[in-house]
Amino acid sequence: MKRYWLALAVGLGVTVAGVAVADNLSSAKQADFFAPGQHRFYVWCGSGTNYSAVERGASAEEAQMRLYNGIKAQGHAACWPMWQGKISS
């Protein structure tokens, strides 16, 4: 019976630690999304010519729209940039 409670306590401790680490990582990602600077995108195209790109903006959303408008102006309306993360400077 002691082993059961010990295993339960250890399992609960590992779970709590994992949740804390995951929460910290997701908070950092969210802060990066709204931070100004250079953002990395994976540009997915319906034609299959996918590629990576970097764009500067006041946030990832602004950088994404700036990149999308540039791609669209080049005649590639079937492409959409997907945010990968902020580039540390």
PDB file of N, CA and C in Angstrom:
ATOM      1  N   MET A   1       0.816  -1.185   0.000  1.00  0.00           N
ATOM      2  CA  MET A   1       0.000   0.000   0.000  1.00  0.00           C
ATOM      3  C   MET A   1       0.876   1.273   0.000  1.00  0.00           C
ATOM      4  N   LYS A   2       2.028   1.200   0.719  1.00  0.00           N
ATOM      5  CA  LYS A   2       2.928   2.352   0.744  1.00  0.00           C
ATOM      6  C   LYS A   2       3.468   2.653  -0.654  1.00  0.00           C
ATOM      7  N   ARG A   3       3.780   1.600  -1.402  1.00  0.00           N
ATOM      8  CA  ARG A   3       4.304   1.790  -2.754  1.00  0.00           C
ATOM      9  C   ARG A   3       3.270   2.478  -3.637  1.00  0.00           C
ATOM     10  N   TYR A   4       2.024   2.123  -3.459  1.00  0.00           N
ATOM     11  CA  TYR A   4       0.948   2.743  -4.242  1.00  0.00           C
ATOM     12  C   TYR A   4       0.923   4.244  -4.012  1.00  0.00           C
ATOM     13  N   TRP A   5       0.950   4.657  -2.760  1.00  0.00           N
ATOM     14  CA  TRP A   5       0.887   6.093  -2.442  1.00  0.00           C
ATOM     15  C   TRP A   5       2.152   6.821  -2.908  1.00  0.00           C
ATOM     16  N   LEU A   6       3.285   6.149  -2.785  1.00  0.00           N
ATOM     17  CA  LEU A   6       4.539   6.743  -3.258  1.00  0.00           C
ATOM     18  C   LEU A   6       4.499   6.912  -4.782  1.00  0.00           C
ATOM     19  N   ALA A   7       4.046   5.886  -5.497  1.00  0.00           N
ATOM     20  CA  ALA A   7       3.948   5.974  -6.957  1.00  0.00           C
ATOM     21  C   ALA A   7       2.951   7.054  -7.367  1.00  0.00           C
ATOM     22  N   LEU A   8       1.851   7.151  -6.652  1.00  0.00           N
ATOM     23  CA  LEU A   8       0.855   8.182  -6.938  1.00  0.00           C
ATOM     24  C   LEU A   8       1.431   9.579  -6.714  1.00  0.00           C
ATOM     25  N   ALA A   9       2.172   9.756  -5.613  1.00  0.00           N
ATOM     26  CA  ALA A   9       2.780  11.058  -5.314  1.00  0.00           C
ATOM     27  C   ALA A   9       3.824  11.431  -6.367  1.00  0.00           C
ATOM     28  N   VAL A  10       4.639  10.454  -6.752  1.00  0.00           N
ATOM     29  CA  VAL A  10       5.662  10.725  -7.769  1.00  0.00           C
ATOM     30  C   VAL A  10       4.994  11.056  -9.099  1.00  0.00           C
ATOM     31  N   GLY A  11       3.981  10.286  -9.474  1.00  0.00           N
ATOM     32  CA  GLY A  11       3.258  10.551 -10.723  1.00  0.00           C
ATOM     33  C   GLY A  11       2.615  11.916 -10.735  1.00  0.00           C
ATOM     34  N   LEU A  12       2.020  12.292  -9.610  1.00  0.00           N
ATOM     35  CA  LEU A  12       1.397  13.617  -9.498  1.00  0.00           C
ATOM     36  C   LEU A  12       2.447  14.719  -9.590  1.00  0.00           C
ATOM     37  N   GLY A  13       3.599  14.521  -8.957  1.00  0.00           N
ATOM     38  CA  GLY A  13       4.678  15.507  -9.022  1.00  0.00           C
ATOM     39  C   GLY A  13       5.197  15.699 -10.432  1.00  0.00           C
ATOM     40  N   VAL A  14       5.365  14.598 -11.158  1.00  0.00           N
ATOM     41  CA  VAL A  14       5.830  14.673 -12.547  1.00  0.00           C
ATOM     42  C   VAL A  14       4.793  15.387 -13.405  1.00  0.00           C
ATOM     43  N   THR A  15       3.525  15.088 -13.183  1.00  0.00           N
ATOM     44  CA  THR A  15       2.450  15.740 -13.948  1.00  0.00           C
ATOM     45  C   THR A  15       2.435  17.233 -13.697  1.00  0.00           C
ATOM     46  N   VAL A  16       2.506  17.641 -12.435  1.00  0.00           N
ATOM     47  CA  VAL A  16       2.491  19.064 -12.090  1.00  0.00           C
ATOM     48  C   VAL A  16       3.699  19.776 -12.698  1.00  0.00           C
ATOM     49  N   ALA A  17       4.868  19.161 -12.631  1.00  0.00           N
ATOM     50  CA  ALA A  17       6.070  19.767 -13.216  1.00  0.00           C
ATOM     51  C   ALA A  17       5.924  19.905 -14.722  1.00  0.00           C
ATOM     52  N   GLY A  18       5.376  18.893 -15.382  1.00  0.00           N
ATOM     53  CA  GLY A  18       5.173  18.956 -16.827  1.00  0.00           C
ATOM     54  C   GLY A  18       4.222  20.051 -17.233  1.00  0.00           C
ATOM     55  N   VAL A  19       3.143  20.204 -16.478  1.00  0.00           N
ATOM     56  CA  VAL A  19       2.177  21.271 -16.766  1.00  0.00           C
ATOM     57  C   VAL A  19       2.812  22.633 -16.569  1.00  0.00           C
ATOM     58  N   ALA A  20       3.611  22.797 -15.528  1.00  0.00           N
ATOM     59  CA  ALA A  20       4.277  24.083 -15.273  1.00  0.00           C
ATOM     60  C   ALA A  20       5.236  24.443 -16.405  1.00  0.00           C
ATOM     61  N   VAL A  21       5.995  23.463 -16.876  1.00  0.00           N
ATOM     62  CA  VAL A  21       6.930  23.712 -17.978  1.00  0.00           C
ATOM     63  C   VAL A  21       6.165  24.060 -19.253  1.00  0.00           C
ATOM     64  N   ALA A  22       5.109  23.315 -19.548  1.00  0.00           N
ATOM     65  CA  ALA A  22       4.318  23.584 -20.758  1.00  0.00           C
ATOM     66  C   ALA A  22       3.672  24.961 -20.695  1.00  0.00           C
ATOM     67  N   ASP A  23       3.188  25.351 -19.526  1.00  0.00           N
ATOM     68  CA  ASP A  23       2.573  26.666 -19.381  1.00  0.00           C
ATOM     69  C   ASP A  23       3.595  27.770 -19.600  1.00  0.00           C
ATOM     70  N   ASN A  24       4.790  27.580 -19.085  1.00  0.00           N
ATOM     71  CA  ASN A  24       5.846  28.571 -19.260  1.00  0.00           C
ATOM     72  C   ASN A  24       6.224  28.698 -20.725  1.00  0.00           C
ATOM     73  N   LEU A  25       6.318  27.575 -21.440  1.00  0.00           N
ATOM     74  CA  LEU A  25       6.668  27.624 -22.858  1.00  0.00           C
ATOM     75  C   LEU A  25       5.575  28.293 -23.677  1.00  0.00           C
ATOM     76  N   SER A  26       4.313  27.995 -23.380  1.00  0.00           N
ATOM     77  CA  SER A  26       3.230  28.598 -24.150  1.00  0.00           C
ATOM     78  C   SER A  26       3.118  30.086 -23.852  1.00  0.00           C
ATOM     79  N   SER A  27       3.418  30.501 -22.619  1.00  0.00           N
ATOM     80  CA  SER A  27       3.389  31.926 -22.287  1.00  0.00           C
ATOM     81  C   SER A  27       4.476  32.671 -23.048  1.00  0.00           C
ATOM     82  N   ALA A  28       5.648  32.068 -23.151  1.00  0.00           N
ATOM     83  CA  ALA A  28       6.739  32.699 -23.890  1.00  0.00           C
ATOM     84  C   ALA A  28       6.384  32.805 -25.372  1.00  0.00           C
ATOM     85  N   LYS A  29       5.749  31.761 -25.932  1.00  0.00           N
ATOM     86  CA  LYS A  29       5.339  31.801 -27.338  1.00  0.00           C
ATOM     87  C   LYS A  29       4.320  32.905 -27.561  1.00  0.00           C
ATOM     88  N   GLN A  30       3.380  33.047 -26.628  1.00  0.00           N
ATOM     89  CA  GLN A  30       2.357  34.080 -26.776  1.00  0.00           C
ATOM     90  C   GLN A  30       2.987  35.463 -26.697  1.00  0.00           C
ATOM     91  N   ALA A  31       3.932  35.651 -25.788  1.00  0.00           N
ATOM     92  CA  ALA A  31       4.616  36.940 -25.688  1.00  0.00           C
ATOM     93  C   ALA A  31       5.384  37.233 -26.973  1.00  0.00           C
ATOM     94  N   ASP A  32       6.025  36.212 -27.548  1.00  0.00           N
ATOM     95  CA  ASP A  32       6.757  36.386 -28.803  1.00  0.00           C
ATOM     96  C   ASP A  32       5.825  36.775 -29.946  1.00  0.00           C
ATOM     97  N   PHE A  33       4.624  36.218 -29.966  1.00  0.00           N
ATOM     98  CA  PHE A  33       3.674  36.501 -31.037  1.00  0.00           C
ATOM     99  C   PHE A  33       3.323  37.989 -31.072  1.00  0.00           C
ATOM    100  N   PHE A  34       3.182  38.605 -29.914  1.00  0.00           N
ATOM    101  CA  PHE A  34       2.785  40.011 -29.850  1.00  0.00           C
ATOM    102  C   PHE A  34       3.971  40.971 -29.777  1.00  0.00           C
ATOM    103  N   ALA A  35       5.183  40.453 -29.788  1.00  0.00           N
ATOM    104  CA  ALA A  35       6.377  41.293 -29.680  1.00  0.00           C
ATOM    105  C   ALA A  35       6.809  41.822 -31.050  1.00  0.00           C
ATOM    106  N   PRO A  36       7.345  43.043 -31.071  1.00  0.00           N
ATOM    107  CA  PRO A  36       7.862  43.577 -32.338  1.00  0.00           C
ATOM    108  C   PRO A  36       9.195  42.923 -32.698  1.00  0.00           C
ATOM    109  N   GLY A  37       9.516  42.921 -33.982  1.00  0.00           N
ATOM    110  CA  GLY A  37      10.794  42.382 -34.428  1.00  0.00           C
ATOM    111  C   GLY A  37      10.631  41.528 -35.666  1.00  0.00           C
ATOM    112  N   GLN A  38      11.620  40.663 -35.892  1.00  0.00           N
ATOM    113  CA  GLN A  38      11.592  39.781 -37.049  1.00  0.00           C
ATOM    114  C   GLN A  38      10.903  38.472 -36.669  1.00  0.00           C
ATOM    115  N   HIS A  39      10.008  38.035 -37.543  1.00  0.00           N
ATOM    116  CA  HIS A  39       9.254  36.816 -37.312  1.00  0.00           C
ATOM    117  C   HIS A  39       9.488  35.860 -38.477  1.00  0.00           C
ATOM    118  N   ARG A  40       9.606  34.573 -38.142  1.00  0.00           N
ATOM    119  CA  ARG A  40       9.829  33.540 -39.159  1.00  0.00           C
ATOM    120  C   ARG A  40       8.494  32.889 -39.513  1.00  0.00           C
ATOM    121  N   PHE A  41       8.292  32.673 -40.815  1.00  0.00           N
ATOM    122  CA  PHE A  41       7.058  32.068 -41.310  1.00  0.00           C
ATOM    123  C   PHE A  41       7.381  30.913 -42.247  1.00  0.00           C
ATOM    124  N   TYR A  42       6.500  29.944 -42.259  1.00  0.00           N
ATOM    125  CA  TYR A  42       6.514  28.894 -43.266  1.00  0.00           C
ATOM    126  C   TYR A  42       5.390  29.252 -44.220  1.00  0.00           C
ATOM    127  N   VAL A  43       5.724  29.495 -45.468  1.00  0.00           N
ATOM    128  CA  VAL A  43       4.727  29.910 -46.450  1.00  0.00           C
ATOM    129  C   VAL A  43       4.229  28.667 -47.167  1.00  0.00           C
ATOM    130  N   TRP A  44       2.976  28.339 -46.905  1.00  0.00           N
ATOM    131  CA  TRP A  44       2.336  27.181 -47.521  1.00  0.00           C
ATOM    132  C   TRP A  44       1.628  27.644 -48.778  1.00  0.00           C
ATOM    133  N   CYS A  45       1.887  26.976 -49.892  1.00  0.00           N
ATOM    134  CA  CYS A  45       1.261  27.314 -51.166  1.00  0.00           C
ATOM    135  C   CYS A  45       0.497  26.109 -51.693  1.00  0.00           C
ATOM    136  N   GLY A  46      -0.673  26.370 -52.231  1.00  0.00           N
ATOM    137  CA  GLY A  46      -1.493  25.312 -52.800  1.00  0.00           C
ATOM    138  C   GLY A  46      -0.821  24.605 -53.965  1.00  0.00           C
ATOM    139  N   SER A  47       0.093  25.288 -54.624  1.00  0.00           N
ATOM    140  CA  SER A  47       0.794  24.708 -55.774  1.00  0.00           C
ATOM    141  C   SER A  47       1.912  23.760 -55.348  1.00  0.00           C
ATOM    142  N   GLY A  48       2.229  23.731 -54.055  1.00  0.00           N
ATOM    143  CA  GLY A  48       3.280  22.846 -53.562  1.00  0.00           C
ATOM    144  C   GLY A  48       4.647  23.477 -53.486  1.00  0.00           C
ATOM    145  N   THR A  49       4.783  24.736 -53.836  1.00  0.00           N
ATOM    146  CA  THR A  49       6.077  25.431 -53.765  1.00  0.00           C
ATOM    147  C   THR A  49       6.200  26.147 -52.425  1.00  0.00           C
ATOM    148  N   ASN A  50       6.228  25.399 -51.337  1.00  0.00           N
ATOM    149  CA  ASN A  50       6.312  25.961 -49.989  1.00  0.00           C
ATOM    150  C   ASN A  50       7.736  26.434 -49.710  1.00  0.00           C
ATOM    151  N   TYR A  51       7.864  27.420 -48.831  1.00  0.00           N
ATOM    152  CA  TYR A  51       9.186  27.934 -48.479  1.00  0.00           C
ATOM    153  C   TYR A  51       9.128  28.667 -47.143  1.00  0.00           C
ATOM    154  N   SER A  52      10.287  29.011 -46.587  1.00  0.00           N
ATOM    155  CA  SER A  52      10.384  29.783 -45.348  1.00  0.00           C
ATOM    156  C   SER A  52      10.669  31.235 -45.689  1.00  0.00           C
ATOM    157  N   ALA A  53      10.188  32.128 -44.830  1.00  0.00           N
ATOM    158  CA  ALA A  53      10.412  33.560 -45.051  1.00  0.00           C
ATOM    159  C   ALA A  53      10.509  34.267 -43.707  1.00  0.00           C
ATOM    160  N   VAL A  54      11.135  35.428 -43.703  1.00  0.00           N
ATOM    161  CA  VAL A  54      11.272  36.267 -42.509  1.00  0.00           C
ATOM    162  C   VAL A  54      10.688  37.630 -42.845  1.00  0.00           C
ATOM    163  N   GLU A  55       9.915  38.173 -41.908  1.00  0.00           N
ATOM    164  CA  GLU A  55       9.319  39.496 -42.108  1.00  0.00           C
ATOM    165  C   GLU A  55       9.345  40.246 -40.782  1.00  0.00           C
ATOM    166  N   ARG A  56       9.563  41.560 -40.870  1.00  0.00           N
ATOM    167  CA  ARG A  56       9.583  42.416 -39.679  1.00  0.00           C
ATOM    168  C   ARG A  56       8.194  43.011 -39.476  1.00  0.00           C
ATOM    169  N   GLY A  57       7.815  43.194 -38.195  1.00  0.00           N
ATOM    170  CA  GLY A  57       6.535  43.812 -37.892  1.00  0.00           C
ATOM    171  C   GLY A  57       6.416  44.168 -36.426  1.00  0.00           C
ATOM    172  N   ALA A  58       5.393  44.962 -36.098  1.00  0.00           N
ATOM    173  CA  ALA A  58       5.131  45.345 -34.710  1.00  0.00           C
ATOM    174  C   ALA A  58       4.606  44.157 -33.911  1.00  0.00           C
ATOM    175  N   SER A  59       4.116  43.139 -34.610  1.00  0.00           N
ATOM    176  CA  SER A  59       3.670  41.880 -34.010  1.00  0.00           C
ATOM    177  C   SER A  59       3.734  40.821 -35.112  1.00  0.00           C
ATOM    178  N   ALA A  60       3.524  39.579 -34.730  1.00  0.00           N
ATOM    179  CA  ALA A  60       3.526  38.515 -35.740  1.00  0.00           C
ATOM    180  C   ALA A  60       2.369  38.699 -36.708  1.00  0.00           C
ATOM    181  N   GLU A  61       1.245  39.172 -36.198  1.00  0.00           N
ATOM    182  CA  GLU A  61       0.077  39.375 -37.060  1.00  0.00           C
ATOM    183  C   GLU A  61       0.360  40.426 -38.134  1.00  0.00           C
ATOM    184  N   GLU A  62       0.981  41.527 -37.721  1.00  0.00           N
ATOM    185  CA  GLU A  62       1.307  42.578 -38.704  1.00  0.00           C
ATOM    186  C   GLU A  62       2.331  42.070 -39.714  1.00  0.00           C
ATOM    187  N   ALA A  63       3.346  41.355 -39.227  1.00  0.00           N
ATOM    188  CA  ALA A  63       4.359  40.808 -40.128  1.00  0.00           C
ATOM    189  C   ALA A  63       3.740  39.798 -41.092  1.00  0.00           C
ATOM    190  N   GLN A  64       2.812  38.992 -40.595  1.00  0.00           N
ATOM    191  CA  GLN A  64       2.147  37.999 -41.430  1.00  0.00           C
ATOM    192  C   GLN A  64       1.349  38.663 -42.548  1.00  0.00           C
ATOM    193  N   MET A  65       0.605  39.709 -42.211  1.00  0.00           N
ATOM    194  CA  MET A  65      -0.189  40.399 -43.231  1.00  0.00           C
ATOM    195  C   MET A  65       0.705  41.130 -44.224  1.00  0.00           C
ATOM    196  N   ARG A  66       1.799  41.698 -43.755  1.00  0.00           N
ATOM    197  CA  ARG A  66       2.743  42.367 -44.655  1.00  0.00           C
ATOM    198  C   ARG A  66       3.338  41.357 -45.637  1.00  0.00           C
ATOM    199  N   LEU A  67       3.730  40.197 -45.116  1.00  0.00           N
ATOM    200  CA  LEU A  67       4.282  39.147 -45.966  1.00  0.00           C
ATOM    201  C   LEU A  67       3.227  38.627 -46.941  1.00  0.00           C
ATOM    202  N   TYR A  68       2.021  38.399 -46.458  1.00  0.00           N
ATOM    203  CA  TYR A  68       0.936  37.905 -47.317  1.00  0.00           C
ATOM    204  C   TYR A  68       0.633  38.889 -48.437  1.00  0.00           C
ATOM    205  N   ASN A  69       0.551  40.175 -48.111  1.00  0.00           N
ATOM    206  CA  ASN A  69       0.274  41.186 -49.143  1.00  0.00           C
ATOM    207  C   ASN A  69       1.391  41.241 -50.184  1.00  0.00           C
ATOM    208  N   GLY A  70       2.638  41.065 -49.750  1.00  0.00           N
ATOM    209  CA  GLY A  70       3.757  41.031 -50.690  1.00  0.00           C
ATOM    210  C   GLY A  70       3.692  39.820 -51.600  1.00  0.00           C
ATOM    211  N   ILE A  71       3.350  38.676 -51.026  1.00  0.00           N
ATOM    212  CA  ILE A  71       3.223  37.445 -51.817  1.00  0.00           C
ATOM    213  C   ILE A  71       2.082  37.586 -52.823  1.00  0.00           C
ATOM    214  N   LYS A  72       0.976  38.125 -52.361  1.00  0.00           N
ATOM    215  CA  LYS A  72      -0.197  38.318 -53.215  1.00  0.00           C
ATOM    216  C   LYS A  72       0.111  39.291 -54.358  1.00  0.00           C
ATOM    217  N   ALA A  73       0.872  40.358 -54.053  1.00  0.00           N
ATOM    218  CA  ALA A  73       1.238  41.340 -55.087  1.00  0.00           C
ATOM    219  C   ALA A  73       2.118  40.703 -56.157  1.00  0.00           C
ATOM    220  N   GLN A  74       2.835  39.638 -55.807  1.00  0.00           N
ATOM    221  CA  GLN A  74       3.670  38.931 -56.783  1.00  0.00           C
ATOM    222  C   GLN A  74       2.855  37.928 -57.599  1.00  0.00           C
ATOM    223  N   GLY A  75       1.550  37.857 -57.326  1.00  0.00           N
ATOM    224  CA  GLY A  75       0.688  36.963 -58.091  1.00  0.00           C
ATOM    225  C   GLY A  75       0.523  35.573 -57.504  1.00  0.00           C
ATOM    226  N   HIS A  76       0.887  35.399 -56.245  1.00  0.00           N
ATOM    227  CA  HIS A  76       0.774  34.088 -55.597  1.00  0.00           C
ATOM    228  C   HIS A  76      -0.333  34.126 -54.541  1.00  0.00           C
ATOM    229  N   ALA A  77      -1.570  34.283 -54.982  1.00  0.00           N
ATOM    230  CA  ALA A  77      -2.697  34.411 -54.055  1.00  0.00           C
ATOM    231  C   ALA A  77      -3.029  33.107 -53.341  1.00  0.00           C
ATOM    232  N   ALA A  78      -2.516  31.972 -53.823  1.00  0.00           N
ATOM    233  CA  ALA A  78      -2.816  30.673 -53.207  1.00  0.00           C
ATOM    234  C   ALA A  78      -1.801  30.305 -52.126  1.00  0.00           C
ATOM    235  N   CYS A  79      -1.030  31.279 -51.624  1.00  0.00           N
ATOM    236  CA  CYS A  79      -0.030  31.025 -50.585  1.00  0.00           C
ATOM    237  C   CYS A  79      -0.434  31.729 -49.296  1.00  0.00           C
ATOM    238  N   TRP A  80      -0.117  31.090 -48.156  1.00  0.00           N
ATOM    239  CA  TRP A  80      -0.439  31.686 -46.864  1.00  0.00           C
ATOM    240  C   TRP A  80       0.708  31.457 -45.891  1.00  0.00           C
ATOM    241  N   PRO A  81       1.244  32.553 -45.280  1.00  0.00           N
ATOM    242  CA  PRO A  81       2.329  32.406 -44.307  1.00  0.00           C
ATOM    243  C   PRO A  81       1.801  31.955 -42.948  1.00  0.00           C
ATOM    244  N   MET A  82       2.467  30.953 -42.378  1.00  0.00           N
ATOM    245  CA  MET A  82       2.115  30.446 -41.050  1.00  0.00           C
ATOM    246  C   MET A  82       3.256  30.746 -40.099  1.00  0.00           C
ATOM    247  N   TRP A  83       2.939  31.386 -38.994  1.00  0.00           N
ATOM    248  CA  TRP A  83       3.950  31.833 -38.041  1.00  0.00           C
ATOM    249  C   TRP A  83       4.668  30.657 -37.406  1.00  0.00           C
ATOM    250  N   GLN A  84       6.002  30.738 -37.369  1.00  0.00           N
ATOM    251  CA  GLN A  84       6.823  29.701 -36.759  1.00  0.00           C
ATOM    252  C   GLN A  84       7.453  30.180 -35.451  1.00  0.00           C
ATOM    253  N   GLY A  85       7.681  31.485 -35.331  1.00  0.00           N
ATOM    254  CA  GLY A  85       8.271  32.008 -34.113  1.00  0.00           C
ATOM    255  C   GLY A  85       8.987  33.317 -34.374  1.00  0.00           C
ATOM    256  N   LYS A  86       9.379  33.963 -33.276  1.00  0.00           N
ATOM    257  CA  LYS A  86      10.100  35.234 -33.363  1.00  0.00           C
ATOM    258  C   LYS A  86      11.591  34.930 -33.411  1.00  0.00           C
ATOM    259  N   ILE A  87      12.304  35.690 -34.202  1.00  0.00           N
ATOM    260  CA  ILE A  87      13.756  35.536 -34.309  1.00  0.00           C
ATOM    261  C   ILE A  87      14.398  36.427 -33.264  1.00  0.00           C
ATOM    262  N   SER A  88      15.203  35.836 -32.404  1.00  0.00           N
ATOM    263  CA  SER A  88      15.896  36.620 -31.373  1.00  0.00           C
ATOM    264  C   SER A  88      16.951  37.488 -32.014  1.00  0.00           C
ATOM    265  N   SER A  89      17.056  38.714 -31.522  1.00  0.00           N
ATOM    266  CA  SER A  89      18.075  39.603 -32.100  1.00  0.00           C
ATOM    267  C   SER A  89      19.220  39.803 -31.160  1.00  0.00           C
TER     268      SER A  89
END
